[in-house]
N, C-alpha and C. Protein backbone atom coordinates (compact mmCIF):
# COMPACT_ATOMS: atom_id res chain seq x y z
N MET A 1 -8.19 9.54 8.28
CA MET A 1 -7.40 8.44 7.77
C MET A 1 -6.05 8.93 7.24
N ARG A 2 -6.03 10.07 6.59
CA ARG A 2 -4.78 10.55 6.02
C ARG A 2 -3.68 10.73 7.06
N PRO A 3 -3.98 11.29 8.23
CA PRO A 3 -2.89 11.42 9.22
C PRO A 3 -2.27 10.07 9.57
N HIS A 4 -3.08 9.02 9.63
CA HIS A 4 -2.54 7.69 9.93
C HIS A 4 -1.67 7.19 8.77
N MET A 5 -2.07 7.49 7.57
CA MET A 5 -1.29 7.06 6.41
C MET A 5 0.04 7.81 6.35
N LEU A 6 0.03 9.07 6.71
CA LEU A 6 1.26 9.87 6.67
C LEU A 6 2.31 9.36 7.66
N LYS A 7 1.86 8.69 8.71
CA LYS A 7 2.79 8.13 9.70
C LYS A 7 3.46 6.86 9.18
N ASN A 8 2.92 6.30 8.11
CA ASN A 8 3.36 4.98 7.65
C ASN A 8 3.65 4.94 6.16
N VAL A 9 4.40 5.87 5.65
CA VAL A 9 4.75 5.89 4.24
C VAL A 9 5.94 4.95 4.03
N LEU A 10 5.74 3.96 3.19
CA LEU A 10 6.78 2.96 2.91
C LEU A 10 7.16 3.06 1.44
N LEU A 11 8.41 3.34 1.19
CA LEU A 11 8.90 3.47 -0.18
C LEU A 11 9.35 2.12 -0.70
N VAL A 12 8.77 1.68 -1.82
CA VAL A 12 9.17 0.42 -2.43
C VAL A 12 9.42 0.64 -3.92
N GLY A 13 10.11 -0.30 -4.53
CA GLY A 13 10.42 -0.20 -5.95
C GLY A 13 11.78 0.42 -6.18
N GLY A 14 12.19 0.43 -7.41
CA GLY A 14 13.51 0.93 -7.77
C GLY A 14 13.75 2.38 -7.43
N ASN A 15 12.72 3.22 -7.52
CA ASN A 15 12.90 4.63 -7.20
C ASN A 15 13.37 4.84 -5.77
N ALA A 16 13.00 3.95 -4.87
CA ALA A 16 13.39 4.09 -3.47
C ALA A 16 14.90 3.96 -3.30
N CYS A 17 15.59 3.46 -4.32
CA CYS A 17 17.05 3.32 -4.26
C CYS A 17 17.79 4.58 -4.69
N PHE A 18 17.08 5.54 -5.27
CA PHE A 18 17.74 6.78 -5.68
C PHE A 18 18.29 7.50 -4.46
N PRO A 19 19.48 8.08 -4.57
CA PRO A 19 20.04 8.82 -3.44
C PRO A 19 19.10 9.95 -3.00
N ALA A 20 18.88 10.03 -1.72
CA ALA A 20 18.07 11.08 -1.08
C ALA A 20 16.59 11.06 -1.49
N PHE A 21 16.12 9.97 -2.09
CA PHE A 21 14.72 9.91 -2.50
C PHE A 21 13.78 9.98 -1.30
N GLY A 22 14.11 9.24 -0.25
CA GLY A 22 13.28 9.26 0.95
C GLY A 22 13.19 10.64 1.56
N GLU A 23 14.30 11.34 1.61
CA GLU A 23 14.30 12.70 2.16
C GLU A 23 13.45 13.63 1.30
N ARG A 24 13.50 13.44 -0.01
CA ARG A 24 12.70 14.27 -0.92
C ARG A 24 11.21 14.02 -0.71
N VAL A 25 10.83 12.77 -0.59
CA VAL A 25 9.42 12.44 -0.36
C VAL A 25 8.98 13.02 0.97
N TYR A 26 9.80 12.86 2.00
CA TYR A 26 9.46 13.41 3.31
C TYR A 26 9.27 14.93 3.22
N THR A 27 10.21 15.62 2.60
CA THR A 27 10.14 17.07 2.50
C THR A 27 8.89 17.51 1.74
N ASP A 28 8.59 16.83 0.65
CA ASP A 28 7.41 17.18 -0.13
C ASP A 28 6.12 16.94 0.66
N LEU A 29 6.03 15.81 1.34
CA LEU A 29 4.84 15.53 2.14
C LEU A 29 4.71 16.51 3.30
N ARG A 30 5.81 16.76 3.96
CA ARG A 30 5.81 17.67 5.11
C ARG A 30 5.29 19.05 4.71
N SER A 31 5.67 19.51 3.52
CA SER A 31 5.25 20.83 3.07
C SER A 31 3.75 20.89 2.74
N LEU A 32 3.13 19.75 2.53
CA LEU A 32 1.71 19.71 2.19
C LEU A 32 0.79 19.48 3.38
N CYS A 33 1.36 19.20 4.55
CA CYS A 33 0.57 18.81 5.71
C CYS A 33 0.64 19.85 6.82
N PRO A 34 -0.43 19.92 7.61
CA PRO A 34 -0.36 20.78 8.79
C PRO A 34 0.71 20.28 9.76
N GLU A 35 1.23 21.18 10.55
CA GLU A 35 2.30 20.84 11.50
C GLU A 35 1.89 19.74 12.48
N ILE A 36 0.60 19.65 12.80
CA ILE A 36 0.16 18.66 13.79
C ILE A 36 0.24 17.23 13.26
N CYS A 37 0.33 17.07 11.95
CA CYS A 37 0.42 15.74 11.35
C CYS A 37 1.84 15.21 11.47
N GLU A 38 1.93 13.98 11.90
CA GLU A 38 3.23 13.30 11.95
C GLU A 38 3.49 12.66 10.59
N VAL A 39 4.67 12.87 10.05
CA VAL A 39 5.05 12.28 8.77
C VAL A 39 6.26 11.38 9.01
N ASN A 40 6.15 10.14 8.56
CA ASN A 40 7.25 9.19 8.70
C ASN A 40 7.41 8.45 7.37
N VAL A 41 8.58 8.55 6.78
CA VAL A 41 8.88 7.90 5.50
C VAL A 41 10.03 6.93 5.73
N THR A 42 9.80 5.66 5.39
CA THR A 42 10.84 4.65 5.55
C THR A 42 10.96 3.83 4.27
N ALA A 43 12.06 3.10 4.18
CA ALA A 43 12.28 2.18 3.06
C ALA A 43 12.88 0.90 3.62
N PRO A 44 12.47 -0.25 3.11
CA PRO A 44 13.05 -1.51 3.57
C PRO A 44 14.47 -1.67 3.04
N ASP A 45 15.16 -2.67 3.55
CA ASP A 45 16.53 -2.94 3.10
C ASP A 45 16.60 -3.21 1.60
N ASN A 46 15.63 -3.94 1.07
CA ASN A 46 15.60 -4.22 -0.36
C ASN A 46 14.27 -3.76 -0.94
N PRO A 47 14.14 -2.48 -1.25
CA PRO A 47 12.85 -1.96 -1.71
C PRO A 47 12.42 -2.49 -3.07
N ILE A 48 13.35 -3.01 -3.85
CA ILE A 48 13.00 -3.48 -5.20
C ILE A 48 12.10 -4.71 -5.14
N THR A 49 12.36 -5.63 -4.23
CA THR A 49 11.56 -6.85 -4.17
C THR A 49 10.59 -6.88 -2.99
N TYR A 50 10.57 -5.84 -2.20
CA TYR A 50 9.76 -5.83 -0.98
C TYR A 50 8.27 -6.03 -1.26
N ALA A 51 7.73 -5.32 -2.25
CA ALA A 51 6.31 -5.45 -2.56
C ALA A 51 5.99 -6.87 -3.03
N TRP A 52 6.86 -7.46 -3.82
CA TRP A 52 6.64 -8.82 -4.30
C TRP A 52 6.59 -9.79 -3.12
N HIS A 53 7.56 -9.68 -2.21
CA HIS A 53 7.58 -10.56 -1.04
C HIS A 53 6.33 -10.36 -0.19
N GLY A 54 5.87 -9.13 -0.07
CA GLY A 54 4.64 -8.86 0.67
C GLY A 54 3.44 -9.53 0.02
N GLY A 55 3.39 -9.50 -1.31
CA GLY A 55 2.31 -10.16 -2.03
C GLY A 55 2.33 -11.66 -1.83
N VAL A 56 3.52 -12.24 -1.84
CA VAL A 56 3.65 -13.68 -1.60
C VAL A 56 3.12 -14.03 -0.22
N MET A 57 3.52 -13.26 0.77
CA MET A 57 3.05 -13.52 2.14
C MET A 57 1.54 -13.36 2.25
N ALA A 58 1.00 -12.34 1.61
CA ALA A 58 -0.45 -12.11 1.68
C ALA A 58 -1.22 -13.27 1.08
N PHE A 59 -0.79 -13.77 -0.06
CA PHE A 59 -1.53 -14.84 -0.72
C PHE A 59 -1.29 -16.20 -0.09
N GLN A 60 -0.33 -16.33 0.79
CA GLN A 60 -0.14 -17.56 1.54
C GLN A 60 -1.06 -17.60 2.76
N ASP A 61 -1.62 -16.47 3.12
CA ASP A 61 -2.52 -16.38 4.27
C ASP A 61 -3.91 -16.87 3.86
N PRO A 62 -4.46 -17.88 4.55
CA PRO A 62 -5.78 -18.40 4.19
C PRO A 62 -6.88 -17.34 4.26
N GLU A 63 -6.71 -16.33 5.06
CA GLU A 63 -7.71 -15.27 5.19
C GLU A 63 -7.80 -14.41 3.93
N MET A 64 -6.81 -14.49 3.07
CA MET A 64 -6.78 -13.66 1.87
C MET A 64 -7.97 -13.91 0.97
N ASN A 65 -8.48 -15.13 0.95
CA ASN A 65 -9.63 -15.45 0.10
C ASN A 65 -10.84 -14.60 0.42
N LYS A 66 -10.93 -14.11 1.64
CA LYS A 66 -12.04 -13.24 2.01
C LYS A 66 -11.88 -11.84 1.42
N LEU A 67 -10.68 -11.52 0.96
CA LEU A 67 -10.38 -10.16 0.51
C LEU A 67 -10.24 -10.01 -1.00
N ILE A 68 -10.46 -11.09 -1.75
CA ILE A 68 -10.26 -11.01 -3.19
C ILE A 68 -11.51 -11.46 -3.94
N VAL A 69 -11.59 -11.05 -5.19
CA VAL A 69 -12.60 -11.52 -6.12
C VAL A 69 -11.83 -12.10 -7.30
N THR A 70 -12.10 -13.34 -7.61
CA THR A 70 -11.41 -13.96 -8.74
C THR A 70 -12.02 -13.46 -10.06
N LYS A 71 -11.28 -13.66 -11.12
CA LYS A 71 -11.78 -13.28 -12.44
C LYS A 71 -13.08 -14.03 -12.75
N LYS A 72 -13.11 -15.31 -12.41
CA LYS A 72 -14.30 -16.12 -12.66
C LYS A 72 -15.50 -15.58 -11.88
N GLN A 73 -15.29 -15.25 -10.60
CA GLN A 73 -16.38 -14.70 -9.79
C GLN A 73 -16.89 -13.39 -10.39
N TYR A 74 -15.98 -12.55 -10.84
CA TYR A 74 -16.37 -11.27 -11.42
C TYR A 74 -17.12 -11.48 -12.73
N GLU A 75 -16.63 -12.38 -13.57
CA GLU A 75 -17.29 -12.63 -14.85
C GLU A 75 -18.68 -13.21 -14.66
N GLU A 76 -18.86 -14.03 -13.62
CA GLU A 76 -20.16 -14.64 -13.37
C GLU A 76 -21.13 -13.70 -12.67
N ASN A 77 -20.61 -12.79 -11.83
CA ASN A 77 -21.49 -11.98 -10.97
C ASN A 77 -21.39 -10.48 -11.19
N GLY A 78 -20.34 -10.01 -11.81
CA GLY A 78 -20.19 -8.59 -12.10
C GLY A 78 -19.89 -7.72 -10.89
N THR A 79 -20.08 -6.43 -11.11
CA THR A 79 -19.74 -5.46 -10.05
C THR A 79 -20.63 -5.58 -8.83
N THR A 80 -21.83 -6.09 -9.02
CA THR A 80 -22.73 -6.27 -7.88
C THR A 80 -22.10 -7.17 -6.83
N TYR A 81 -21.44 -8.21 -7.29
CA TYR A 81 -20.76 -9.13 -6.37
C TYR A 81 -19.68 -8.40 -5.58
N CYS A 82 -18.92 -7.56 -6.26
CA CYS A 82 -17.87 -6.79 -5.58
C CYS A 82 -18.47 -5.87 -4.53
N LEU A 83 -19.54 -5.18 -4.90
CA LEU A 83 -20.18 -4.27 -3.94
C LEU A 83 -20.70 -5.03 -2.73
N GLU A 84 -21.32 -6.17 -2.95
CA GLU A 84 -21.83 -6.97 -1.84
C GLU A 84 -20.69 -7.47 -0.95
N LYS A 85 -19.61 -7.87 -1.56
CA LYS A 85 -18.50 -8.44 -0.80
C LYS A 85 -17.72 -7.39 -0.02
N PHE A 86 -17.48 -6.24 -0.63
CA PHE A 86 -16.59 -5.26 -0.02
C PHE A 86 -17.29 -4.08 0.64
N ASP A 87 -18.57 -3.91 0.38
CA ASP A 87 -19.27 -2.75 0.93
C ASP A 87 -20.22 -3.15 2.05
N SER A 88 -19.91 -4.22 2.73
CA SER A 88 -20.78 -4.65 3.82
C SER A 88 -20.06 -4.62 5.14
């Protein structure tokens, strides 16, 4: 799984706006990985709000309800509910 994640590193938040931050992250990751692993680090045009917009899009998707546990569900059913929902 890690090699797949290394191909898709997305920098978001204010730190992604620092000069040469992406290059630094790439260099640091590259030094920790075998040569056969592909490393790709990118940043969106507006990294500060990108995660927020992604969250908005995710929660507008009707399928999202299958991927979340509400506070009420957790309070009524506890961790067992989470294990049943996500570990099957």
